Each structure stands twice: as structure tokens, then as C-alpha cells.
N, C-alpha and C. Protein backbone atom coordinates (compact mmCIF):
# COMPACT_ATOMS: atom_id res chain seq x y z
N UNK A 1 132.65 87.67 132.53
CA UNK A 1 131.85 86.65 133.17
C UNK A 1 130.82 87.33 134.06
N UNK A 2 129.57 86.92 133.97
CA UNK A 2 128.54 87.42 134.85
C UNK A 2 128.73 86.75 136.20
N UNK A 3 128.76 87.52 137.23
CA UNK A 3 129.00 86.95 138.54
C UNK A 3 127.69 86.53 139.19
N UNK A 4 127.66 85.36 139.84
CA UNK A 4 126.48 85.00 140.61
C UNK A 4 126.27 86.05 141.69
N UNK A 5 125.06 86.18 142.16
CA UNK A 5 124.76 87.17 143.18
C UNK A 5 124.19 86.50 144.41
N UNK A 6 124.28 87.20 145.51
CA UNK A 6 123.68 86.71 146.74
C UNK A 6 122.38 87.43 146.96
N UNK A 7 121.59 86.97 147.92
CA UNK A 7 120.26 87.50 148.18
C UNK A 7 120.26 89.02 148.32
N UNK A 8 121.23 89.59 148.99
CA UNK A 8 121.26 91.03 149.20
C UNK A 8 121.60 91.79 147.92
N UNK A 9 121.88 91.07 146.83
CA UNK A 9 122.13 91.71 145.56
C UNK A 9 123.58 92.10 145.34
N UNK A 10 124.47 91.73 146.24
CA UNK A 10 125.88 92.04 146.08
C UNK A 10 126.50 91.02 145.15
N UNK A 11 127.40 91.47 144.29
CA UNK A 11 128.11 90.53 143.42
C UNK A 11 128.99 89.65 144.29
N UNK A 12 129.09 88.41 143.96
CA UNK A 12 129.88 87.46 144.72
C UNK A 12 130.96 86.91 143.80
N UNK A 13 132.21 87.04 144.22
CA UNK A 13 133.30 86.51 143.41
C UNK A 13 133.28 85.00 143.49
N UNK A 14 133.53 84.37 142.35
CA UNK A 14 133.59 82.91 142.31
C UNK A 14 134.85 82.50 141.58
N UNK A 15 135.20 81.24 141.70
CA UNK A 15 136.36 80.71 140.99
C UNK A 15 136.09 80.72 139.49
N UNK A 16 137.14 80.75 138.70
CA UNK A 16 137.03 80.74 137.25
C UNK A 16 136.18 79.55 136.79
N UNK A 17 135.29 79.80 135.86
CA UNK A 17 134.47 78.73 135.30
C UNK A 17 133.17 78.48 136.03
N UNK A 18 132.89 79.21 137.08
CA UNK A 18 131.65 79.01 137.81
C UNK A 18 130.61 80.00 137.35
N UNK A 19 129.42 79.54 137.09
CA UNK A 19 128.33 80.41 136.69
C UNK A 19 128.39 80.71 135.21
N UNK A 20 127.42 81.47 134.72
CA UNK A 20 127.32 81.75 133.30
C UNK A 20 128.48 82.61 132.80
N UNK A 21 128.89 82.35 131.58
CA UNK A 21 129.95 83.14 130.97
C UNK A 21 129.34 84.27 130.16
N UNK A 22 130.09 85.33 129.98
CA UNK A 22 129.63 86.44 129.15
C UNK A 22 128.55 87.24 129.82
N UNK A 23 127.97 88.18 129.07
CA UNK A 23 126.90 89.00 129.63
C UNK A 23 125.63 88.17 129.63
N UNK A 24 125.06 87.97 130.79
CA UNK A 24 123.86 87.15 130.89
C UNK A 24 122.82 87.85 131.72
N UNK A 25 121.85 87.09 132.14
CA UNK A 25 120.73 87.64 132.89
C UNK A 25 121.17 88.31 134.17
N UNK A 26 122.25 87.83 134.77
CA UNK A 26 122.70 88.41 136.02
C UNK A 26 123.07 89.87 135.89
N UNK A 27 123.43 90.29 134.71
CA UNK A 27 123.82 91.67 134.51
C UNK A 27 122.62 92.60 134.37
N UNK A 28 121.45 92.04 134.06
CA UNK A 28 120.31 92.89 133.74
C UNK A 28 119.05 92.59 134.54
N UNK A 29 118.94 91.41 135.07
CA UNK A 29 117.65 91.01 135.61
C UNK A 29 117.35 91.69 136.92
N UNK A 30 116.11 91.98 137.10
CA UNK A 30 115.59 92.42 138.38
C UNK A 30 114.55 91.40 138.70
N UNK A 31 113.39 91.85 138.95
CA UNK A 31 112.34 90.88 138.89
C UNK A 31 111.61 90.64 140.15
N UNK A 32 110.37 90.94 140.07
CA UNK A 32 109.46 90.54 141.11
C UNK A 32 108.23 90.06 140.38
N UNK A 33 108.46 89.12 139.45
CA UNK A 33 107.35 88.62 138.66
C UNK A 33 106.70 87.45 139.36
N UNK A 34 106.14 86.54 138.62
CA UNK A 34 105.33 85.45 139.16
C UNK A 34 105.95 84.81 140.39
N UNK A 35 105.12 84.37 141.31
CA UNK A 35 105.58 83.78 142.56
C UNK A 35 106.14 82.39 142.37
N UNK A 36 106.58 81.78 143.45
CA UNK A 36 107.20 80.47 143.39
C UNK A 36 106.18 79.38 143.62
N UNK A 37 104.97 79.59 143.22
CA UNK A 37 103.92 78.62 143.49
C UNK A 37 103.23 79.03 144.77
N UNK A 38 102.22 78.30 145.13
CA UNK A 38 101.43 78.63 146.32
C UNK A 38 102.27 78.63 147.59
N UNK A 39 103.26 77.75 147.66
CA UNK A 39 104.04 77.63 148.88
C UNK A 39 104.80 78.89 149.21
N UNK A 40 105.42 79.50 148.24
CA UNK A 40 106.20 80.70 148.51
C UNK A 40 105.32 81.87 148.89
N UNK A 41 104.07 81.81 148.52
CA UNK A 41 103.14 82.88 148.84
C UNK A 41 102.54 82.68 150.22
N UNK A 42 102.94 81.65 150.93
CA UNK A 42 102.46 81.46 152.28
C UNK A 42 101.65 80.20 152.48
N UNK A 43 101.18 79.55 151.43
CA UNK A 43 100.41 78.31 151.53
C UNK A 43 101.38 77.16 151.30
N UNK A 44 102.08 76.73 152.34
CA UNK A 44 103.18 75.77 152.21
C UNK A 44 102.69 74.38 151.80
N UNK A 45 102.18 74.25 150.59
CA UNK A 45 101.75 72.96 150.12
C UNK A 45 102.47 72.50 148.85
N UNK A 46 102.56 73.36 147.84
CA UNK A 46 103.13 72.95 146.56
C UNK A 46 104.04 74.04 146.00
N UNK A 47 105.21 73.63 145.52
CA UNK A 47 106.12 74.50 144.80
C UNK A 47 106.23 73.90 143.40
N UNK A 48 106.02 74.71 142.38
CA UNK A 48 106.14 74.23 141.01
C UNK A 48 107.57 74.40 140.52
N UNK A 49 108.14 73.29 139.99
CA UNK A 49 109.49 73.31 139.44
C UNK A 49 109.53 72.54 138.13
N UNK A 50 110.36 73.00 137.21
CA UNK A 50 110.64 72.19 136.02
C UNK A 50 111.59 71.08 136.46
N UNK A 51 111.66 70.00 135.73
CA UNK A 51 112.37 68.80 136.18
C UNK A 51 113.84 69.03 136.50
N UNK A 52 114.57 69.79 135.68
CA UNK A 52 116.00 69.92 135.99
C UNK A 52 116.25 70.76 137.23
N UNK A 53 115.28 71.53 137.67
CA UNK A 53 115.45 72.27 138.92
C UNK A 53 115.44 71.35 140.14
N UNK A 54 115.02 70.09 139.96
CA UNK A 54 115.18 69.10 141.04
C UNK A 54 116.66 68.89 141.34
N UNK A 55 117.51 69.08 140.34
CA UNK A 55 118.96 68.96 140.54
C UNK A 55 119.53 70.27 141.04
N UNK A 56 119.10 71.38 140.44
CA UNK A 56 119.61 72.69 140.84
C UNK A 56 119.36 72.98 142.32
N UNK A 57 118.20 72.54 142.81
CA UNK A 57 117.86 72.84 144.20
C UNK A 57 118.82 72.17 145.18
N UNK A 58 119.45 71.08 144.76
CA UNK A 58 120.36 70.36 145.65
C UNK A 58 121.60 71.17 145.98
N UNK A 59 122.00 72.07 145.06
CA UNK A 59 123.22 72.85 145.28
C UNK A 59 122.95 74.35 145.35
N UNK A 60 121.70 74.75 145.46
CA UNK A 60 121.43 76.18 145.58
C UNK A 60 121.99 76.68 146.91
N UNK A 61 122.91 77.66 146.82
CA UNK A 61 123.59 78.18 148.01
C UNK A 61 123.57 79.70 148.02
N UNK A 62 122.52 80.30 147.46
CA UNK A 62 122.39 81.74 147.48
C UNK A 62 123.04 82.45 146.31
N UNK A 63 123.33 81.74 145.24
CA UNK A 63 123.92 82.33 144.04
C UNK A 63 123.00 82.03 142.87
N UNK A 64 123.01 82.93 141.88
CA UNK A 64 122.16 82.71 140.73
C UNK A 64 122.32 83.79 139.69
N UNK A 65 121.40 83.82 138.75
CA UNK A 65 121.47 84.72 137.60
C UNK A 65 121.28 86.19 137.96
N UNK A 66 120.51 86.47 139.00
CA UNK A 66 120.18 87.85 139.33
C UNK A 66 119.69 87.91 140.78
N UNK A 67 119.61 89.12 141.34
CA UNK A 67 119.05 89.23 142.70
C UNK A 67 117.62 88.69 142.77
N UNK A 68 116.82 88.95 141.75
CA UNK A 68 115.44 88.45 141.74
C UNK A 68 115.37 86.94 141.70
N UNK A 69 116.23 86.33 140.88
CA UNK A 69 116.29 84.87 140.79
C UNK A 69 116.69 84.28 142.14
N UNK A 70 117.72 84.85 142.74
CA UNK A 70 118.20 84.35 144.04
C UNK A 70 117.12 84.48 145.10
N UNK A 71 116.45 85.63 145.14
CA UNK A 71 115.37 85.84 146.12
C UNK A 71 114.26 84.81 145.90
N UNK A 72 113.92 84.56 144.65
CA UNK A 72 112.88 83.58 144.34
C UNK A 72 113.30 82.19 144.79
N UNK A 73 114.57 81.83 144.54
CA UNK A 73 115.05 80.50 144.93
C UNK A 73 115.09 80.39 146.45
N UNK A 74 115.41 81.48 147.15
CA UNK A 74 115.38 81.46 148.62
C UNK A 74 113.96 81.15 149.10
N UNK A 75 112.95 81.74 148.45
CA UNK A 75 111.55 81.47 148.80
C UNK A 75 111.20 80.00 148.57
N UNK A 76 111.63 79.47 147.44
CA UNK A 76 111.37 78.07 147.12
C UNK A 76 112.03 77.16 148.16
N UNK A 77 113.29 77.43 148.48
CA UNK A 77 113.99 76.62 149.48
C UNK A 77 113.29 76.68 150.83
N UNK A 78 112.88 77.87 151.23
CA UNK A 78 112.17 78.01 152.52
C UNK A 78 110.86 77.24 152.51
N UNK A 79 110.15 77.29 151.40
CA UNK A 79 108.87 76.58 151.31
C UNK A 79 109.09 75.07 151.40
N UNK A 80 110.09 74.56 150.68
CA UNK A 80 110.38 73.12 150.74
C UNK A 80 110.79 72.73 152.15
N UNK A 81 111.61 73.54 152.79
CA UNK A 81 112.05 73.25 154.16
C UNK A 81 110.91 73.33 155.16
N UNK A 82 109.84 74.04 154.80
CA UNK A 82 108.66 74.14 155.67
C UNK A 82 107.64 73.04 155.37
N UNK A 83 107.96 72.15 154.41
CA UNK A 83 107.08 71.02 154.15
C UNK A 83 106.36 71.02 152.81
N UNK A 84 106.61 72.01 151.97
CA UNK A 84 105.96 72.04 150.66
C UNK A 84 106.43 70.85 149.83
N UNK A 85 105.54 70.32 149.03
CA UNK A 85 105.91 69.30 148.07
C UNK A 85 106.25 70.00 146.75
N UNK A 86 106.92 69.29 145.88
CA UNK A 86 107.26 69.82 144.57
C UNK A 86 106.32 69.21 143.54
N UNK A 87 105.78 70.06 142.68
CA UNK A 87 104.96 69.61 141.56
C UNK A 87 105.72 69.96 140.29
N UNK A 88 105.95 68.97 139.45
CA UNK A 88 106.70 69.17 138.22
C UNK A 88 105.80 69.84 137.18
N UNK A 89 106.37 70.85 136.52
CA UNK A 89 105.67 71.54 135.43
C UNK A 89 106.45 71.33 134.15
N UNK A 90 105.77 71.46 133.04
CA UNK A 90 106.37 71.34 131.72
C UNK A 90 106.81 72.72 131.27
N UNK A 91 108.10 72.93 131.11
CA UNK A 91 108.61 74.22 130.67
C UNK A 91 108.94 75.13 131.83
N UNK A 92 109.05 76.43 131.55
CA UNK A 92 109.47 77.38 132.58
C UNK A 92 108.58 77.35 133.82
N UNK A 93 109.23 77.54 134.96
CA UNK A 93 108.55 77.57 136.25
C UNK A 93 108.75 78.96 136.87
N UNK A 94 108.26 79.18 138.06
CA UNK A 94 108.44 80.50 138.68
C UNK A 94 109.90 80.92 138.88
N UNK A 95 110.84 79.97 138.99
CA UNK A 95 112.25 80.33 139.08
C UNK A 95 112.74 80.96 137.78
N UNK A 96 112.17 80.51 136.67
CA UNK A 96 112.57 81.01 135.35
C UNK A 96 112.07 82.44 135.10
N UNK A 97 111.06 82.87 135.80
CA UNK A 97 110.41 84.15 135.49
C UNK A 97 111.38 85.33 135.46
N UNK A 98 112.31 85.40 136.40
CA UNK A 98 113.27 86.51 136.42
C UNK A 98 114.20 86.46 135.23
N UNK A 99 114.61 85.28 134.83
CA UNK A 99 115.50 85.11 133.69
C UNK A 99 114.75 85.46 132.41
N UNK A 100 113.53 85.00 132.29
CA UNK A 100 112.71 85.28 131.11
C UNK A 100 112.51 86.78 130.95
N UNK A 101 112.28 87.47 132.05
CA UNK A 101 112.06 88.92 132.00
C UNK A 101 113.31 89.67 131.55
N UNK A 102 114.49 89.08 131.75
CA UNK A 102 115.74 89.79 131.49
C UNK A 102 116.39 89.46 130.15
N UNK A 103 116.05 88.35 129.57
CA UNK A 103 116.72 87.92 128.34
C UNK A 103 115.85 88.20 127.12
N UNK A 104 116.47 88.69 126.04
CA UNK A 104 115.76 88.91 124.79
C UNK A 104 115.22 87.60 124.23
N UNK A 105 116.06 86.58 124.24
CA UNK A 105 115.68 85.25 123.79
C UNK A 105 115.94 84.30 124.97
N UNK A 106 114.98 84.20 125.88
CA UNK A 106 115.21 83.43 127.12
C UNK A 106 115.65 81.99 126.87
N UNK A 107 116.73 81.62 127.52
CA UNK A 107 117.22 80.26 127.38
C UNK A 107 116.25 79.24 127.95
N UNK A 108 115.35 79.68 128.80
CA UNK A 108 114.39 78.79 129.46
C UNK A 108 113.47 78.06 128.47
N UNK A 109 113.35 78.60 127.26
CA UNK A 109 112.49 78.01 126.24
C UNK A 109 113.26 77.18 125.22
N UNK A 110 114.58 77.18 125.31
CA UNK A 110 115.40 76.52 124.29
C UNK A 110 115.35 75.00 124.41
N UNK A 111 115.58 74.35 123.28
CA UNK A 111 115.55 72.88 123.22
C UNK A 111 116.57 72.26 124.17
N UNK A 112 117.72 72.92 124.35
CA UNK A 112 118.74 72.37 125.24
C UNK A 112 118.24 72.30 126.68
N UNK A 113 117.43 73.25 127.08
CA UNK A 113 116.90 73.26 128.44
C UNK A 113 115.78 72.23 128.57
N UNK A 114 114.98 72.09 127.53
CA UNK A 114 113.94 71.05 127.52
C UNK A 114 114.59 69.67 127.61
N UNK A 115 115.71 69.50 126.91
CA UNK A 115 116.45 68.23 126.97
C UNK A 115 117.02 68.02 128.37
N UNK A 116 117.47 69.08 129.01
CA UNK A 116 117.96 69.00 130.40
C UNK A 116 116.83 68.51 131.31
N UNK A 117 115.62 69.04 131.10
CA UNK A 117 114.47 68.60 131.88
C UNK A 117 114.19 67.11 131.65
N UNK A 118 114.25 66.70 130.39
CA UNK A 118 113.95 65.30 130.05
C UNK A 118 114.94 64.36 130.74
N UNK A 119 116.23 64.69 130.68
CA UNK A 119 117.25 63.85 131.31
C UNK A 119 117.09 63.82 132.82
N UNK A 120 116.83 64.96 133.43
CA UNK A 120 116.64 65.01 134.88
C UNK A 120 115.43 64.19 135.30
N UNK A 121 114.33 64.33 134.56
CA UNK A 121 113.11 63.56 134.88
C UNK A 121 113.39 62.06 134.77
N UNK A 122 114.09 61.69 133.73
CA UNK A 122 114.42 60.26 133.52
C UNK A 122 115.28 59.73 134.66
N UNK A 123 116.38 60.42 134.96
CA UNK A 123 117.35 59.91 135.92
C UNK A 123 116.86 59.98 137.36
N UNK A 124 116.28 61.11 137.74
CA UNK A 124 115.77 61.23 139.11
C UNK A 124 114.57 60.30 139.27
N UNK A 125 113.71 60.25 138.26
CA UNK A 125 112.55 59.36 138.31
C UNK A 125 112.94 57.90 138.45
N UNK A 126 113.96 57.49 137.71
CA UNK A 126 114.43 56.11 137.79
C UNK A 126 114.89 55.79 139.21
N UNK A 127 115.64 56.70 139.81
CA UNK A 127 116.13 56.47 141.17
C UNK A 127 115.01 56.48 142.20
N UNK A 128 114.00 57.32 141.98
CA UNK A 128 112.87 57.40 142.92
C UNK A 128 111.82 56.33 142.66
N UNK A 129 111.91 55.67 141.51
CA UNK A 129 110.90 54.68 141.15
C UNK A 129 109.61 55.35 140.69
N UNK A 130 109.74 56.53 140.07
CA UNK A 130 108.58 57.29 139.60
C UNK A 130 108.74 57.63 138.12
N UNK A 131 107.61 57.85 137.47
CA UNK A 131 107.64 58.48 136.16
C UNK A 131 107.45 59.96 136.43
N UNK A 132 108.49 60.74 136.20
CA UNK A 132 108.40 62.17 136.46
C UNK A 132 108.00 62.87 135.17
N UNK A 133 106.86 63.55 135.24
CA UNK A 133 106.30 64.30 134.12
C UNK A 133 105.49 65.43 134.70
N UNK A 134 104.97 66.29 133.83
CA UNK A 134 104.15 67.41 134.31
C UNK A 134 103.04 66.87 135.19
N UNK A 135 102.90 67.45 136.37
CA UNK A 135 101.87 67.04 137.32
C UNK A 135 102.35 66.10 138.41
N UNK A 136 103.53 65.48 138.24
CA UNK A 136 104.06 64.59 139.26
C UNK A 136 104.35 65.41 140.52
N UNK A 137 103.91 64.91 141.66
CA UNK A 137 104.13 65.58 142.94
C UNK A 137 105.14 64.77 143.73
N UNK A 138 106.15 65.46 144.25
CA UNK A 138 107.24 64.80 144.95
C UNK A 138 107.42 65.42 146.33
N UNK A 139 107.09 64.69 147.40
CA UNK A 139 107.38 65.21 148.74
C UNK A 139 108.89 65.10 148.99
N UNK A 140 109.43 66.09 149.67
CA UNK A 140 110.88 66.13 149.88
C UNK A 140 111.24 66.11 151.36
N UNK A 141 111.31 64.93 151.90
CA UNK A 141 111.77 64.78 153.28
C UNK A 141 113.27 65.03 153.33
N UNK A 142 113.79 65.23 154.50
CA UNK A 142 115.23 65.41 154.67
C UNK A 142 115.97 64.17 154.15
N UNK A 143 115.45 63.00 154.43
CA UNK A 143 116.08 61.76 153.97
C UNK A 143 116.08 61.68 152.44
N UNK A 144 115.00 62.11 151.81
CA UNK A 144 114.94 62.06 150.34
C UNK A 144 115.92 63.07 149.74
N UNK A 145 116.01 64.27 150.29
CA UNK A 145 116.96 65.26 149.78
C UNK A 145 118.38 64.73 149.94
N UNK A 146 118.69 64.13 151.09
CA UNK A 146 120.02 63.56 151.31
C UNK A 146 120.31 62.45 150.29
N UNK A 147 119.31 61.62 150.02
CA UNK A 147 119.47 60.54 149.05
C UNK A 147 119.71 61.11 147.65
N UNK A 148 118.94 62.15 147.28
CA UNK A 148 119.12 62.78 145.98
C UNK A 148 120.50 63.41 145.86
N UNK A 149 121.00 63.96 146.95
CA UNK A 149 122.34 64.55 146.94
C UNK A 149 123.41 63.46 146.75
N UNK A 150 123.20 62.30 147.34
CA UNK A 150 124.14 61.20 147.16
C UNK A 150 124.21 60.80 145.69
N UNK A 151 123.06 60.68 145.04
CA UNK A 151 123.03 60.34 143.61
C UNK A 151 123.74 61.42 142.79
N UNK A 152 123.47 62.68 143.15
CA UNK A 152 124.08 63.82 142.46
C UNK A 152 125.60 63.77 142.61
N UNK A 153 126.04 63.57 143.84
CA UNK A 153 127.48 63.55 144.14
C UNK A 153 128.19 62.42 143.39
N UNK A 154 127.52 61.30 143.22
CA UNK A 154 128.11 60.15 142.52
C UNK A 154 127.94 60.25 141.01
N UNK A 155 127.24 61.30 140.55
CA UNK A 155 127.08 61.50 139.12
C UNK A 155 125.91 60.75 138.50
N UNK A 156 125.20 59.98 139.28
CA UNK A 156 124.11 59.15 138.77
C UNK A 156 123.01 59.97 138.10
N UNK A 157 122.71 61.12 138.66
CA UNK A 157 121.63 61.95 138.13
C UNK A 157 122.14 63.20 137.42
N UNK A 158 123.41 63.24 137.07
CA UNK A 158 123.99 64.46 136.50
C UNK A 158 124.11 64.53 134.98
N UNK A 159 123.65 63.56 134.21
CA UNK A 159 123.69 63.74 132.75
C UNK A 159 122.99 65.04 132.31
N UNK A 160 121.97 65.45 133.02
CA UNK A 160 121.27 66.70 132.68
C UNK A 160 122.16 67.92 132.89
N UNK A 161 123.21 67.79 133.66
CA UNK A 161 124.08 68.93 133.99
C UNK A 161 125.18 69.15 132.96
N UNK A 162 125.38 68.20 132.06
CA UNK A 162 126.44 68.33 131.06
C UNK A 162 126.23 69.60 130.24
N UNK A 163 127.24 70.43 130.20
CA UNK A 163 127.17 71.68 129.45
C UNK A 163 126.57 72.84 130.21
N UNK A 164 126.12 72.64 131.42
CA UNK A 164 125.52 73.72 132.21
C UNK A 164 126.62 74.66 132.70
N UNK A 165 126.37 75.95 132.61
CA UNK A 165 127.37 76.93 133.03
C UNK A 165 127.59 76.95 134.54
N UNK A 166 126.72 76.32 135.30
CA UNK A 166 126.86 76.28 136.76
C UNK A 166 127.52 74.99 137.24
N UNK A 167 127.89 74.09 136.32
CA UNK A 167 128.41 72.78 136.68
C UNK A 167 129.60 72.83 137.63
N UNK A 168 130.55 73.73 137.38
CA UNK A 168 131.75 73.82 138.23
C UNK A 168 131.38 74.19 139.66
N UNK A 169 130.50 75.17 139.81
CA UNK A 169 130.06 75.57 141.15
C UNK A 169 129.34 74.42 141.84
N UNK A 170 128.42 73.77 141.13
CA UNK A 170 127.65 72.67 141.73
C UNK A 170 128.55 71.51 142.13
N UNK A 171 129.55 71.23 141.30
CA UNK A 171 130.50 70.16 141.63
C UNK A 171 131.27 70.52 142.90
N UNK A 172 131.71 71.76 142.98
CA UNK A 172 132.45 72.20 144.18
C UNK A 172 131.59 72.09 145.44
N UNK A 173 130.33 72.49 145.34
CA UNK A 173 129.42 72.39 146.49
C UNK A 173 129.16 70.94 146.87
N UNK A 174 128.96 70.08 145.88
CA UNK A 174 128.75 68.66 146.15
C UNK A 174 129.99 68.05 146.79
N UNK A 175 131.16 68.37 146.24
CA UNK A 175 132.42 67.85 146.79
C UNK A 175 132.66 68.35 148.21
N UNK A 176 132.09 69.50 148.56
CA UNK A 176 132.23 70.06 149.90
C UNK A 176 131.13 69.61 150.85
N UNK A 177 130.40 68.57 150.47
CA UNK A 177 129.35 68.04 151.35
C UNK A 177 128.10 68.89 151.37
N UNK A 178 127.90 69.71 150.33
CA UNK A 178 126.72 70.55 150.19
C UNK A 178 126.61 71.60 151.29
N UNK A 179 127.76 71.96 151.87
CA UNK A 179 127.78 72.97 152.92
C UNK A 179 127.23 74.29 152.37
N UNK A 180 126.31 74.89 153.12
CA UNK A 180 125.71 76.15 152.74
C UNK A 180 124.55 76.05 151.78
N UNK A 181 124.24 74.86 151.31
CA UNK A 181 123.11 74.70 150.39
C UNK A 181 121.81 74.80 151.17
N UNK A 182 120.84 75.50 150.58
CA UNK A 182 119.65 75.91 151.31
C UNK A 182 118.56 74.86 151.49
N UNK A 183 118.33 74.03 150.47
CA UNK A 183 117.23 73.06 150.56
C UNK A 183 117.66 71.91 151.45
N UNK A 184 116.85 71.65 152.48
CA UNK A 184 117.11 70.55 153.42
C UNK A 184 116.01 69.51 153.38
N UNK A 185 114.80 69.93 153.09
CA UNK A 185 113.65 69.03 153.23
C UNK A 185 113.16 69.08 154.67
N UNK A 186 112.15 68.28 154.96
CA UNK A 186 111.58 68.29 156.32
C UNK A 186 111.75 66.94 156.99
């Protein structure tokens, strides 16, 4: 099992079934590729995310595929917490860059991930009263993040998570009241 990593790059032990199974990007990825959108580069206005990362951000707690991925997600979380809005992109986003660089056949381009995006856009959009598609901009206040976490915890927006290798970890974090999760909103 590839172990999720923390920002400092140390392997972090997790309970059985958490994170990706087998040899994955966490075993090989480094990465200081594309930035996390303008916000992570210091212009705290917009962070680009693919639709299913609207769900991933709710339980991001410093673990991920690789040290580069975790560092990138820390930048995204900090930008959102500083007031950046999220702009939805079609396909891979700056969070995917580290995974893409490490995998021979990056899962970020696979139909299953595109379907994950479609389901997340549908379910989160329905709850927000928005049509979520490429170009949709979503401001993330603390109240909105809390509301999105409530939907996540109740399973309302989790059809996109079915089959995800991180599902066990995300469920544990949600059941624990999202303690230690980085994205708060403003």
C-alpha cells in the first residue's frame, strides 16, 4: 500500500484501506510543476480546481499521493482560507500536476475520474443552486464550507466518492468532525 504523506515528506501510517492501494504516485512523485492557480502564487483571487476536488478539499488534512501533491494542496487550502474563490476547470487542475508527472498513464485523464467530476458537479451544484461547469466561480466562505461538509457527512454529495481509494480516510475525517482538515473558508 502506498502511504499518504505529510507536507514534510515523511510517510504517515494510516489504518488499513486508507489511501491508494499498490504502488502509486506516492511512491514516485516529486513535483514542483504548475502552480495552484493565481491564488497560490500570491494573487489571492482564484484557485482552479476540477469539480471532484470540491469534495476532496473538504477532508484534506495534509495527506496525499506525494510530497509535491501535499505541498500543492497546502497552497490551495491557504489560498482559499485567505479569500480566494474557486474556478472550476474541465479536466486536470494544478493539484493533478504532481500525479500526472509521476504516473505513466495518469489516472487524472481516465473516464472514471471524468465521471467523478461529473457527479461532483451535479451533486454540489444542485445543493448550491448552481450549474457547475468549466468556468463556474465559487466563493468559499466559512459558512459555505461548513454547509458543504454537512452534505458530505450525510452522504448527499458523495456519489462521486464511490470507488475512490481515499474514501475510508475521508469518511473517518468526516466522522471525526473534520478535525485537522485544512480548508476553512473565510
